[in-house]
Amino acid sequence: MEQREKFSSRLGFILISAGCAIGLGNVWRFPYIVGQYGGAAFVLVYLVFLICMGLPIMVMEFSVGRASRKSAARSFHLLEPEGTKWHWYSWGAMAGNYLLMMFYTTVGGWMLAYIFKMFTGHFTGLDATAVTDTFNNMLAEPVSMMIWMLVITIIGFSICSMGLQNGVERITKVMMLALLGLMLVLAVRSVTLDGAVEGLKFYLVPNFHNLMYNAEGDFILAESVYAAMSQSFFTLSLGIGAMSIFGSYIDKDRSLMGEALSIGILDTSVALIAGLIIFPACFAFGVNPGQGVGLVFITLPNIFNQMPMGNLWGGLFFICMFFAALSTIIAVFENILCFAMDLGWGRKKAIAVNGIALLLLSMPCVLGFNVWSHITFPHIGNIQDLEDFLVSNNLLPLGSVIYLLFCVSKKGWGWDHFIAEADAGKGLKFPSWARPYVTWILPLIILVIFVIGYMQKFV
């Protein structure tokens, strides 16, 4: 087998894998969903689903990657029984990574733009309406949107061009440690604000009435549980081979269950710290924490405006958001490059071709907020909403079922091969008693998520 690049340390593997999982879903989507569905009780339900659903599939992706020493472009080809067609999903995995980056680079560019807006005092003195107009005006300007998307794409591919150890691993380690440090500083600042105690109670003290009923008194328990289930599942970026690639870069000296648990803890910690930043601040300034996607770009700038040294705190917050976005972009870019390298390309050629391709493929999302804003899709929304829907509601759940069945089915790689790979090395082993659960129950849970997602969109 040809020599494959490897991580220089276990810490590098954990931080980069966590960096792929830690993205805007942790520091943007998680807090506003917690706000919408009642706070601490929702967090408990989310953590249960994260352990029961996310971790087993992560171990399976890592196992497929480490056993094959290939990306999703070739891993199924090497491990599948002769005559089977599991490798057909290679195209789905590759499509998922490209589709994700087609809109993620645009949103990552928003974070970069807001860093400059915060530090230059752009929001100083603006009321809530003016802050809203700022966000909407940014979306309406195709040239500036294009520039920010271009900058973050160039940054991501430039880091990948340095190689796995010297670029991806070295820079992501620094960035992830800086992200954690900055978030802790911001959390301390938030919880020490006057009036922050009520936000801490909302976030940390379970109130199951809030989980079952919304502010209008409507019964929402089923909706809340589904939201917790889907968030726990999607936060780890499972199903498109984004994790299996990092499994292909590690040795067999550590068991994969323990590594997946470490990554899950780190991913969850970032999400929980994000809540410690946002909820105390919202309650301290009398802001509704359940305001949806506008929480980060509209609500929080209003809060920072009311804080002493608000430009500094706001700028640091959006640096955190940028690091979270960039860590995912670097990880997925590396995955995309490995698709090409596993098919025989060199890293430089893979970067040149994919860099140009992704810049072009990202343009529909950029233009979908302005020049092409008239293009919408029934029950889905604009172009970005369609791209997100294809990834989040289709490729992630269906891809996860494929990885799951591949690892447990006698007609796939099979349980014995999977468990031997997962348990190789020292550390926590995959529980053997979980075999009936991951074989029969977990696939059904994921398919339920898939069906409910469609029902919410179209029924």
Protein backbone atom coordinates (compact mmCIF):
# COMPACT_ATOMS: atom_id res chain seq x y z
CA MET A 1 0.00 0.00 0.00
CA GLU A 2 1.30 3.46 -0.86
CA GLN A 3 2.67 5.71 1.89
CA ARG A 4 -0.07 7.94 3.28
CA GLU A 5 0.27 11.20 5.15
CA LYS A 6 -0.37 10.96 8.89
CA PHE A 7 -1.04 13.32 11.75
CA SER A 8 2.02 14.12 13.84
CA SER A 9 0.15 13.73 17.14
CA ARG A 10 -3.04 12.40 18.70
CA LEU A 11 -3.90 15.96 19.77
CA GLY A 12 -3.77 17.04 16.13
CA PHE A 13 -6.20 14.30 15.11
CA ILE A 14 -8.65 15.15 17.90
CA LEU A 15 -8.54 18.91 17.35
CA ILE A 16 -8.87 18.67 13.56
CA SER A 17 -11.69 16.12 13.72
CA ALA A 18 -13.38 18.28 16.33
CA GLY A 19 -12.72 21.31 14.13
CA CYS A 20 -14.64 19.64 11.33
CA ALA A 21 -17.55 18.97 13.69
CA ILE A 22 -17.29 22.32 15.47
CA GLY A 23 -18.79 24.79 13.11
CA LEU A 24 -21.57 27.29 12.87
CA GLY A 25 -23.97 24.60 14.07
CA ASN A 26 -22.32 24.86 17.50
CA VAL A 27 -21.93 28.59 17.99
CA TRP A 28 -24.85 29.78 15.86
CA ARG A 29 -27.56 27.14 15.43
CA PHE A 30 -27.26 25.43 18.83
CA PRO A 31 -27.86 28.55 20.98
CA TYR A 32 -30.89 29.77 19.06
CA ILE A 33 -32.48 26.29 18.99
CA VAL A 34 -31.92 26.00 22.73
CA GLY A 35 -33.58 29.39 23.07
CA GLN A 36 -36.55 28.34 20.95
CA TYR A 37 -37.15 25.06 22.77
CA GLY A 38 -36.90 25.97 26.41
CA GLY A 39 -33.29 25.97 27.60
CA ALA A 40 -31.72 23.42 29.93
CA ALA A 41 -34.29 20.63 29.48
CA PHE A 42 -33.68 20.73 25.73
CA VAL A 43 -29.91 20.54 26.32
CA LEU A 44 -30.35 17.32 28.34
CA VAL A 45 -32.40 15.68 25.59
CA TYR A 46 -29.80 16.81 23.03
CA LEU A 47 -26.94 15.23 25.00
CA VAL A 48 -28.79 11.90 25.25
CA PHE A 49 -29.28 11.78 21.49
CA LEU A 50 -25.67 12.83 20.87
CA ILE A 51 -24.40 9.82 22.81
CA CYS A 52 -26.94 7.35 21.41
CA MET A 53 -26.81 8.43 17.76
CA GLY A 54 -23.81 10.56 16.91
CA LEU A 55 -20.98 8.65 18.58
CA PRO A 56 -21.66 5.18 17.08
CA ILE A 57 -21.78 6.55 13.53
CA MET A 58 -18.64 8.60 14.09
CA VAL A 59 -16.81 5.44 15.18
CA MET A 60 -18.03 3.73 12.01
CA GLU A 61 -16.81 6.51 9.74
CA PHE A 62 -13.42 6.54 11.46
CA SER A 63 -13.21 2.75 11.14
CA VAL A 64 -13.93 2.76 7.41
CA GLY A 65 -11.32 5.48 6.90
CA ARG A 66 -8.60 3.85 9.01
CA ALA A 67 -9.12 0.37 7.56
CA SER A 68 -9.04 1.58 3.95
CA ARG A 69 -6.46 4.38 4.33
CA LYS A 70 -8.54 6.20 1.73
CA SER A 71 -11.12 8.96 1.47
CA ALA A 72 -14.75 8.23 0.71
CA ALA A 73 -13.83 8.32 -2.99
CA ARG A 74 -12.09 4.94 -2.67
CA SER A 75 -12.77 3.50 0.80
CA PHE A 76 -15.88 1.54 -0.15
CA HIS A 77 -14.12 0.12 -3.22
CA LEU A 78 -11.43 -1.43 -1.03
CA LEU A 79 -13.60 -2.77 1.80
CA GLU A 80 -16.80 -3.93 0.12
CA PRO A 81 -17.32 -7.63 -0.72
CA GLU A 82 -16.63 -8.45 -4.35
CA GLY A 83 -19.61 -7.89 -6.61
CA THR A 84 -21.43 -5.45 -4.29
CA LYS A 85 -22.20 -1.82 -5.09
CA TRP A 86 -21.53 0.07 -1.86
CA HIS A 87 -18.98 2.16 -3.76
CA TRP A 88 -21.81 3.88 -5.59
CA TYR A 89 -22.23 6.06 -2.51
CA SER A 90 -18.76 7.51 -3.14
CA TRP A 91 -20.47 9.95 -5.49
CA GLY A 92 -22.99 10.91 -2.81
CA ALA A 93 -20.24 11.54 -0.25
CA MET A 94 -18.26 13.69 -2.67
CA ALA A 95 -21.39 15.60 -3.68
CA GLY A 96 -22.14 16.26 -0.01
CA ASN A 97 -18.77 17.87 0.60
CA TYR A 98 -19.01 20.07 -2.48
CA LEU A 99 -22.60 21.11 -1.73
CA LEU A 100 -21.71 21.95 1.86
CA MET A 101 -18.90 24.23 0.76
CA MET A 102 -21.05 25.87 -1.92
CA PHE A 103 -22.89 27.76 0.83
CA TYR A 104 -20.62 27.41 3.86
CA THR A 105 -17.92 29.60 2.34
CA THR A 106 -20.49 32.38 1.87
CA VAL A 107 -21.68 32.20 5.48
CA GLY A 108 -18.07 32.02 6.66
CA GLY A 109 -17.46 35.22 4.69
CA TRP A 110 -20.24 36.91 6.67
CA MET A 111 -18.32 36.15 9.88
CA LEU A 112 -15.18 37.72 8.45
CA ALA A 113 -17.14 40.80 7.36
CA TYR A 114 -18.64 41.20 10.84
CA ILE A 115 -15.20 41.08 12.48
CA PHE A 116 -14.25 44.21 10.52
CA LYS A 117 -17.62 45.84 11.13
CA MET A 118 -17.30 45.28 14.89
CA PHE A 119 -13.70 46.41 15.32
CA THR A 120 -14.20 49.49 13.12
CA GLY A 121 -17.24 50.61 15.12
CA HIS A 122 -19.73 50.20 12.28
CA PHE A 123 -22.56 49.32 14.69
CA THR A 124 -21.83 52.04 17.24
CA GLY A 125 -24.91 54.14 17.89
CA LEU A 126 -27.18 52.11 15.60
CA ASP A 127 -30.63 51.10 16.80
CA ALA A 128 -32.16 47.67 16.20
CA THR A 129 -33.66 48.67 12.85
CA ALA A 130 -30.35 50.04 11.58
CA VAL A 131 -28.51 46.85 12.63
CA THR A 132 -31.08 44.81 10.72
CA ASP A 133 -30.61 47.05 7.69
CA THR A 134 -26.84 46.54 7.90
CA PHE A 135 -27.23 42.79 7.60
CA ASN A 136 -29.77 43.01 4.80
CA ASN A 137 -27.65 45.55 2.90
CA MET A 138 -24.63 43.24 3.15
CA LEU A 139 -26.62 40.43 1.56
CA ALA A 140 -27.85 42.76 -1.19
CA GLU A 141 -24.32 43.69 -2.35
CA PRO A 142 -23.05 40.92 -4.69
CA VAL A 143 -19.55 42.34 -5.09
CA SER A 144 -18.74 42.56 -1.37
CA MET A 145 -20.36 39.16 -0.74
CA MET A 146 -18.23 37.72 -3.53
CA ILE A 147 -15.06 39.27 -2.08
CA TRP A 148 -15.62 37.86 1.42
CA MET A 149 -16.39 34.42 -0.01
CA LEU A 150 -13.26 34.63 -2.17
CA VAL A 151 -11.07 35.61 0.79
CA ILE A 152 -12.18 32.73 3.03
CA THR A 153 -11.88 30.23 0.16
CA ILE A 154 -8.32 31.37 -0.60
CA ILE A 155 -7.40 31.20 3.10
CA GLY A 156 -8.75 27.64 3.34
CA PHE A 157 -6.98 26.30 0.27
CA SER A 158 -3.76 28.15 1.16
CA ILE A 159 -3.65 26.32 4.49
CA CYS A 160 -4.36 22.97 2.78
CA SER A 161 -1.59 23.68 0.24
CA MET A 162 1.00 23.44 3.04
CA GLY A 163 0.21 19.76 3.51
CA LEU A 164 -1.44 17.73 6.25
CA GLN A 165 1.05 18.24 9.09
CA ASN A 166 2.55 21.64 8.22
CA GLY A 167 -0.70 23.25 7.12
CA VAL A 168 -3.95 21.59 8.12
CA GLU A 169 -2.79 20.13 11.44
CA ARG A 170 -0.47 22.91 12.62
CA ILE A 171 -2.81 25.82 11.87
CA THR A 172 -6.01 24.09 12.94
CA LYS A 173 -4.47 23.19 16.31
CA VAL A 174 -3.58 26.84 16.97
CA MET A 175 -6.95 28.04 15.74
CA MET A 176 -8.96 25.57 17.83
CA LEU A 177 -7.02 26.36 21.00
CA ALA A 178 -7.50 30.09 20.33
CA LEU A 179 -11.21 29.48 19.74
CA LEU A 180 -11.60 27.73 23.08
CA GLY A 181 -9.61 30.42 24.90
CA LEU A 182 -11.56 33.31 23.36
CA MET A 183 -14.89 31.63 24.07
CA LEU A 184 -13.97 31.12 27.72
CA VAL A 185 -13.03 34.81 28.03
CA LEU A 186 -16.33 35.85 26.44
CA ALA A 187 -18.29 33.44 28.66
CA VAL A 188 -16.72 34.94 31.79
CA ARG A 189 -17.60 38.43 30.55
CA SER A 190 -21.18 37.40 29.80
CA VAL A 191 -21.93 35.64 33.10
CA THR A 192 -20.60 38.63 35.07
CA LEU A 193 -23.03 41.10 33.45
CA ASP A 194 -25.71 42.61 35.66
CA GLY A 195 -28.85 40.54 35.24
CA ALA A 196 -27.04 37.51 33.82
CA VAL A 197 -28.31 35.19 36.57
CA GLU A 198 -31.72 34.74 34.94
CA GLY A 199 -30.01 33.70 31.70
CA LEU A 200 -27.93 31.13 33.59
CA LYS A 201 -31.08 29.73 35.21
CA PHE A 202 -32.78 29.45 31.83
CA TYR A 203 -29.76 27.69 30.37
CA LEU A 204 -28.62 25.48 33.25
CA VAL A 205 -31.70 24.68 35.37
CA PRO A 206 -34.00 22.20 33.57
CA ASN A 207 -37.62 23.28 33.20
CA PHE A 208 -39.53 20.57 31.37
CA HIS A 209 -42.58 22.78 31.01
CA ASN A 210 -40.50 24.96 28.67
CA LEU A 211 -39.61 21.83 26.66
CA MET A 212 -43.27 20.88 26.29
CA TYR A 213 -44.94 24.27 25.81
CA ASN A 214 -43.87 27.42 24.00
CA ALA A 215 -44.51 31.00 25.14
CA GLU A 216 -47.96 30.94 23.48
CA GLY A 217 -48.96 27.79 25.38
CA ASP A 218 -48.81 25.45 22.37
CA PHE A 219 -47.78 21.84 23.05
CA ILE A 220 -44.42 21.37 21.27
CA LEU A 221 -42.84 18.31 22.92
CA ALA A 222 -42.65 16.26 19.71
CA GLU A 223 -41.17 19.24 17.87
CA SER A 224 -38.65 19.83 20.67
CA VAL A 225 -37.52 16.20 20.77
CA TYR A 226 -37.13 16.12 16.98
CA ALA A 227 -35.09 19.34 17.08
CA ALA A 228 -32.78 17.86 19.74
CA MET A 229 -32.47 14.63 17.77
CA SER A 230 -31.61 16.36 14.49
CA GLN A 231 -29.19 18.83 16.09
CA SER A 232 -27.29 16.05 17.87
CA PHE A 233 -27.05 14.18 14.61
CA PHE A 234 -26.08 17.00 12.24
CA THR A 235 -23.61 18.75 14.55
CA LEU A 236 -20.97 16.08 13.90
CA SER A 237 -21.05 16.36 10.07
CA LEU A 238 -21.66 12.63 9.66
CA GLY A 239 -22.63 10.77 6.52
CA ILE A 240 -20.50 12.38 3.82
CA GLY A 241 -17.10 10.95 4.69
CA ALA A 242 -15.93 14.16 6.37
CA MET A 243 -14.85 12.14 9.42
CA SER A 244 -13.63 9.00 7.66
CA ILE A 245 -10.83 10.94 5.97
CA PHE A 246 -9.26 11.77 9.34
CA GLY A 247 -9.53 8.13 10.35
CA SER A 248 -7.38 7.34 7.30
CA TYR A 249 -4.61 9.56 8.70
CA ILE A 250 -4.20 7.86 12.10
CA ASP A 251 -2.41 4.77 13.40
CA LYS A 252 -3.97 1.80 15.15
CA ASP A 253 -2.49 2.50 18.58
CA ARG A 254 -5.75 3.97 19.97
CA SER A 255 -9.25 2.48 19.86
CA LEU A 256 -11.74 4.59 17.94
CA MET A 257 -14.56 4.69 20.50
CA GLY A 258 -12.37 6.62 22.92
CA GLU A 259 -11.25 9.02 20.20
CA ALA A 260 -14.84 9.62 19.08
CA LEU A 261 -15.86 10.27 22.69
CA SER A 262 -13.06 12.85 23.10
CA ILE A 263 -14.14 14.62 19.92
CA GLY A 264 -17.80 14.51 20.95
CA ILE A 265 -16.97 16.04 24.34
CA LEU A 266 -14.94 18.81 22.72
CA ASP A 267 -17.66 19.50 20.14
CA THR A 268 -20.34 19.62 22.85
CA SER A 269 -18.21 21.79 25.13
CA VAL A 270 -17.93 24.46 22.44
CA ALA A 271 -21.70 24.41 21.92
CA LEU A 272 -22.34 24.67 25.66
CA ILE A 273 -19.83 27.51 26.09
CA ALA A 274 -21.53 29.35 23.22
CA GLY A 275 -24.72 29.19 25.26
CA LEU A 276 -22.89 30.63 28.28
CA ILE A 277 -21.90 33.58 26.09
CA ILE A 278 -25.29 34.22 24.54
CA PHE A 279 -28.02 33.49 27.12
CA PRO A 280 -26.70 35.54 30.06
CA ALA A 281 -26.14 38.47 27.67
CA CYS A 282 -29.64 38.15 26.22
CA PHE A 283 -31.30 38.16 29.63
CA ALA A 284 -29.02 40.92 30.93
CA PHE A 285 -30.26 43.21 28.15
CA GLY A 286 -33.85 41.98 27.98
CA VAL A 287 -33.55 40.27 24.59
CA ASN A 288 -35.52 37.18 23.53
CA PRO A 289 -32.96 34.34 23.12
CA GLY A 290 -35.20 32.38 20.74
CA GLN A 291 -35.08 34.78 17.81
CA GLY A 292 -33.84 32.25 15.27
CA VAL A 293 -31.13 32.79 12.69
CA GLY A 294 -31.07 36.54 13.28
CA LEU A 295 -29.73 35.98 16.79
CA VAL A 296 -26.08 36.25 15.74
CA PHE A 297 -26.21 38.90 13.03
CA ILE A 298 -28.93 41.18 14.39
CA THR A 299 -29.65 40.50 18.07
CA LEU A 300 -26.08 40.14 19.34
CA PRO A 301 -24.72 43.31 17.67
CA ASN A 302 -27.53 45.16 19.48
CA ILE A 303 -26.39 43.62 22.76
CA PHE A 304 -22.73 44.48 22.15
CA ASN A 305 -23.80 48.06 21.42
CA GLN A 306 -25.10 48.31 24.97
CA MET A 307 -21.97 46.88 26.60
CA PRO A 308 -18.96 48.88 27.73
CA MET A 309 -16.17 48.15 25.20
CA GLY A 310 -18.83 46.50 23.04
CA ASN A 311 -16.77 46.76 19.85
CA LEU A 312 -13.99 44.72 21.46
CA TRP A 313 -16.30 42.02 22.84
CA GLY A 314 -18.26 41.90 19.60
CA GLY A 315 -15.10 41.65 17.52
CA LEU A 316 -13.79 38.80 19.68
CA PHE A 317 -17.11 37.00 19.41
CA PHE A 318 -17.07 37.13 15.61
CA ILE A 319 -13.44 35.98 15.57
CA CYS A 320 -14.75 32.90 17.40
CA MET A 321 -17.47 32.52 14.78
CA PHE A 322 -14.90 32.87 12.02
CA PHE A 323 -12.60 30.26 13.57
CA ALA A 324 -15.53 27.86 13.93
CA ALA A 325 -16.45 28.33 10.28
CA LEU A 326 -12.86 28.18 9.01
CA SER A 327 -12.04 25.00 10.94
CA THR A 328 -14.89 23.23 9.15
CA ILE A 329 -13.93 24.73 5.78
CA ILE A 330 -10.31 23.58 6.12
CA ALA A 331 -11.39 20.08 7.15
CA VAL A 332 -13.87 19.69 4.29
CA PHE A 333 -11.42 21.21 1.78
CA GLU A 334 -8.89 18.59 2.88
CA ASN A 335 -11.52 15.91 2.32
CA ILE A 336 -12.27 17.25 -1.16
CA LEU A 337 -8.56 17.34 -2.02
CA CYS A 338 -8.17 13.76 -0.85
CA PHE A 339 -10.93 12.66 -3.21
CA ALA A 340 -8.76 13.93 -6.07
CA MET A 341 -5.48 12.63 -4.63
CA ASP A 342 -6.96 9.15 -4.10
CA LEU A 343 -7.85 9.21 -7.79
CA GLY A 344 -4.21 9.90 -8.68
CA TRP A 345 -3.83 13.70 -8.64
CA GLY A 346 -1.09 15.57 -6.82
CA ARG A 347 -1.99 18.04 -4.06
CA LYS A 348 -1.10 21.12 -6.16
CA LYS A 349 -3.24 20.03 -9.09
CA ALA A 350 -6.10 19.11 -6.76
CA ILE A 351 -5.96 22.56 -5.15
CA ALA A 352 -5.81 24.41 -8.47
CA VAL A 353 -8.75 22.56 -10.01
CA ASN A 354 -10.93 22.42 -6.89
CA GLY A 355 -10.15 26.00 -5.92
CA ILE A 356 -11.46 27.29 -9.23
CA ALA A 357 -14.38 24.84 -9.19
CA LEU A 358 -15.53 25.83 -5.70
CA LEU A 359 -15.27 29.54 -6.40
CA LEU A 360 -17.59 29.03 -9.36
CA LEU A 361 -19.88 26.62 -7.52
CA SER A 362 -20.23 29.08 -4.63
CA MET A 363 -21.50 31.86 -6.88
CA PRO A 364 -25.17 30.73 -6.97
CA CYS A 365 -25.36 31.07 -3.19
CA VAL A 366 -23.75 34.52 -3.27
CA LEU A 367 -26.05 35.72 -6.05
CA GLY A 368 -29.08 34.04 -4.51
CA PHE A 369 -29.33 36.86 -1.96
CA ASN A 370 -29.29 39.66 -4.53
CA VAL A 371 -29.08 39.28 -8.34
CA TRP A 372 -30.83 35.89 -8.30
CA SER A 373 -33.00 36.55 -5.24
CA HIS A 374 -36.07 36.01 -7.42
CA ILE A 375 -35.11 32.33 -7.77
CA THR A 376 -36.90 30.42 -5.02
CA PHE A 377 -38.04 26.85 -4.49
CA PRO A 378 -41.49 25.94 -3.07
CA HIS A 379 -41.43 25.02 0.64
CA ILE A 380 -37.63 25.39 0.72
CA GLY A 381 -36.58 28.99 0.04
CA ASN A 382 -33.70 30.55 -1.82
CA ILE A 383 -30.64 28.94 -3.41
CA GLN A 384 -28.74 28.66 -0.12
CA ASP A 385 -31.77 27.04 1.50
CA LEU A 386 -31.88 24.48 -1.32
CA GLU A 387 -28.19 23.63 -0.97
CA ASP A 388 -28.55 23.32 2.80
CA PHE A 389 -31.66 21.15 2.36
CA LEU A 390 -29.88 18.78 -0.01
CA VAL A 391 -27.04 18.30 2.47
CA SER A 392 -28.77 18.45 5.86
CA ASN A 393 -32.06 16.74 5.02
CA ASN A 394 -30.78 14.22 2.48
CA LEU A 395 -27.09 13.40 2.17
CA LEU A 396 -26.22 13.52 5.88
CA PRO A 397 -29.00 11.19 7.13
CA LEU A 398 -28.99 8.84 4.13
CA GLY A 399 -25.18 8.75 4.05
CA SER A 400 -25.10 7.91 7.75
CA VAL A 401 -27.49 5.00 7.17
CA ILE A 402 -25.19 3.75 4.41
CA TYR A 403 -22.10 3.88 6.66
CA LEU A 404 -24.10 2.23 9.42
CA LEU A 405 -25.43 -0.62 7.29
CA PHE A 406 -22.05 -1.08 5.62
CA CYS A 407 -20.48 -1.71 9.03
CA VAL A 408 -23.13 -4.09 10.40
CA SER A 409 -24.43 -5.94 7.33
CA LYS A 410 -23.12 -9.34 6.27
CA LYS A 411 -23.45 -8.09 2.71
CA GLY A 412 -21.28 -5.09 3.52
CA TRP A 413 -17.98 -4.78 5.35
CA GLY A 414 -19.61 -6.59 8.25
CA TRP A 415 -19.69 -6.38 12.04
CA ASP A 416 -16.59 -8.52 12.63
CA HIS A 417 -14.38 -6.37 10.41
CA PHE A 418 -15.84 -3.18 11.87
CA ILE A 419 -15.43 -4.16 15.52
CA ALA A 420 -11.88 -5.43 14.93
CA GLU A 421 -10.92 -2.07 13.43
CA ALA A 422 -12.80 0.04 15.97
CA ASP A 423 -11.30 -1.80 18.96
CA ALA A 424 -7.72 -1.99 17.66
CA GLY A 425 -5.36 -0.24 20.06
CA LYS A 426 -5.67 0.81 23.68
CA GLY A 427 -8.57 2.76 25.07
CA LEU A 428 -12.34 2.55 25.29
CA LYS A 429 -13.89 -0.26 23.24
CA PHE A 430 -17.11 -0.20 21.24
CA PRO A 431 -19.75 -1.91 23.43
CA SER A 432 -20.56 -5.35 22.07
CA TRP A 433 -24.02 -5.22 23.65
CA ALA A 434 -24.87 -2.33 21.29
CA ARG A 435 -24.85 -4.58 18.22
CA PRO A 436 -28.67 -5.14 18.12
CA TYR A 437 -29.22 -1.41 18.70
CA VAL A 438 -26.96 -0.19 15.89
CA THR A 439 -28.16 -2.96 13.56
CA TRP A 440 -31.91 -2.54 13.90
CA ILE A 441 -32.91 0.49 15.99
CA LEU A 442 -30.45 3.24 15.02
CA PRO A 443 -31.10 2.96 11.26
CA LEU A 444 -34.82 3.36 11.96
CA ILE A 445 -34.20 6.45 14.11
CA ILE A 446 -32.20 8.07 11.33
CA LEU A 447 -34.86 7.24 8.75
CA VAL A 448 -37.46 8.79 11.07
CA ILE A 449 -35.36 11.98 11.13
CA PHE A 450 -35.22 11.88 7.35
CA VAL A 451 -39.00 11.45 6.95
CA ILE A 452 -39.91 14.07 9.57
CA GLY A 453 -37.54 16.51 7.90
CA TYR A 454 -39.46 16.10 4.67
CA MET A 455 -42.80 16.35 6.43
CA GLN A 456 -41.78 19.63 8.05
CA LYS A 457 -40.78 21.00 4.68
CA PHE A 458 -43.59 19.82 2.46
CA VAL A 459 -46.63 18.82 4.54
